[in-house]
Amino acid sequence: MTQPKDHSPEVLRKAILDLLNKLQPRKSISPTEAARSLTGSDERQWSRLMKPLRSVAVEMAQNGEIVILRKGKPADPSAFRGVYRLALVSGNDAGSASA
């Protein structure tokens, strides 16, 4: 059996930022993309990271590092529900994530 990989909050944060920094401005990623970048395409593996990844994304959004998007618009990181995407903060997003 293989050793479990390190999926600490810092590793999850780095995975999110690495993917976002490769994108064109104003583009976003699905959180599953970050999970898959760490575990591969096996759904049983990447799906285990979704809750911890969401927690890290919320913390990053509260710290102003990223924006959580719902239906293409910034969402309140402490109150959003459902499907979401992650994006880097742009000049237009600063301070508008309370919608």
Protein backbone atom coordinates (compact mmCIF):
# COMPACT_ATOMS: atom_id res chain seq x y z
CA MET A 1 0.00 0.00 0.00
CA THR A 2 1.26 3.47 -0.81
CA GLN A 3 1.92 6.12 1.81
CA PRO A 4 -0.82 8.74 2.21
CA LYS A 5 0.05 12.04 0.60
CA ASP A 6 0.29 15.29 2.51
CA HIS A 7 -2.94 17.21 2.00
CA SER A 8 -2.40 19.79 4.71
CA PRO A 9 -4.16 23.15 4.43
CA GLU A 10 -0.92 24.67 3.12
CA VAL A 11 -0.69 22.05 0.35
CA LEU A 12 -4.33 22.69 -0.61
CA ARG A 13 -3.71 26.47 -0.60
CA LYS A 14 -0.68 26.02 -2.85
CA ALA A 15 -2.64 23.82 -5.27
CA ILE A 16 -5.36 26.48 -5.57
CA LEU A 17 -2.88 29.30 -6.11
CA ASP A 18 -0.74 27.31 -8.56
CA LEU A 19 -3.78 26.65 -10.77
CA LEU A 20 -5.13 30.20 -10.52
CA ASN A 21 -1.77 31.76 -11.32
CA LYS A 22 -1.66 29.82 -14.61
CA LEU A 23 -4.95 31.32 -15.81
CA GLN A 24 -5.70 34.38 -17.84
CA PRO A 25 -7.06 37.32 -15.81
CA ARG A 26 -10.71 36.99 -14.71
CA LYS A 27 -10.76 33.23 -15.29
CA SER A 28 -11.70 30.76 -12.56
CA ILE A 29 -11.26 27.14 -11.54
CA SER A 30 -13.57 24.56 -10.10
CA PRO A 31 -12.41 23.31 -6.70
CA THR A 32 -12.39 19.81 -8.19
CA GLU A 33 -9.54 20.93 -10.44
CA ALA A 34 -7.41 21.66 -7.37
CA ALA A 35 -8.34 18.34 -5.77
CA ARG A 36 -7.55 16.42 -8.96
CA SER A 37 -4.22 18.19 -9.32
CA LEU A 38 -3.21 16.56 -6.03
CA THR A 39 -4.77 13.11 -6.34
CA GLY A 40 -5.37 12.37 -10.01
CA SER A 41 -8.68 11.48 -11.64
CA ASP A 42 -9.84 8.78 -9.17
CA GLU A 43 -13.07 10.27 -7.80
CA ARG A 44 -12.76 8.31 -4.55
CA GLN A 45 -9.47 10.08 -3.91
CA TRP A 46 -10.20 13.66 -4.98
CA SER A 47 -13.70 13.71 -3.48
CA ARG A 48 -12.15 13.22 -0.02
CA LEU A 49 -10.42 16.58 -0.41
CA MET A 50 -13.53 18.60 -1.22
CA LYS A 51 -14.50 19.54 2.36
CA PRO A 52 -10.97 20.46 3.46
CA LEU A 53 -10.47 22.32 0.16
CA ARG A 54 -13.65 24.32 0.74
CA SER A 55 -12.45 25.27 4.24
CA VAL A 56 -9.12 26.45 2.84
CA ALA A 57 -10.86 28.38 0.05
CA VAL A 58 -13.16 30.11 2.56
CA GLU A 59 -10.17 31.12 4.67
CA MET A 60 -8.31 32.38 1.59
CA ALA A 61 -11.35 34.41 0.51
CA GLN A 62 -11.77 35.89 3.98
CA ASN A 63 -8.09 36.90 3.85
CA GLY A 64 -8.55 38.55 0.44
CA GLU A 65 -6.33 36.10 -1.45
CA ILE A 66 -9.05 34.73 -3.74
CA VAL A 67 -12.71 35.27 -4.58
CA ILE A 68 -15.39 32.59 -4.31
CA LEU A 69 -17.83 32.85 -7.21
CA ARG A 70 -21.44 31.71 -7.40
CA LYS A 71 -23.09 32.04 -10.79
CA GLY A 72 -20.13 34.15 -11.92
CA LYS A 73 -20.46 36.71 -9.12
CA PRO A 74 -18.48 37.14 -5.90
CA ALA A 75 -20.12 35.35 -2.98
CA ASP A 76 -19.88 35.91 0.75
CA PRO A 77 -17.29 33.31 1.83
CA SER A 78 -19.06 32.70 5.12
CA ALA A 79 -22.53 32.16 3.66
CA PHE A 80 -22.40 30.67 0.14
CA ARG A 81 -23.97 27.34 -0.71
CA GLY A 82 -23.88 24.98 -3.64
CA VAL A 83 -21.63 24.92 -6.68
CA TYR A 84 -18.82 27.46 -6.64
CA ARG A 85 -15.66 28.47 -8.46
CA LEU A 86 -12.44 30.13 -7.34
CA ALA A 87 -10.70 33.14 -8.88
CA LEU A 88 -7.89 35.51 -8.07
CA VAL A 89 -8.93 38.88 -6.71
CA SER A 90 -9.13 41.52 -9.43
CA GLY A 91 -9.46 45.26 -8.92
CA ASN A 92 -13.21 45.00 -9.49
CA ASP A 93 -13.66 42.21 -6.91
CA ALA A 94 -11.90 43.89 -3.98
CA GLY A 95 -14.43 44.40 -1.24
CA SER A 96 -17.40 43.15 -3.29
CA ALA A 97 -17.53 39.56 -2.03
CA SER A 98 -20.35 40.35 0.38
CA ALA A 99 -23.08 39.92 -2.26
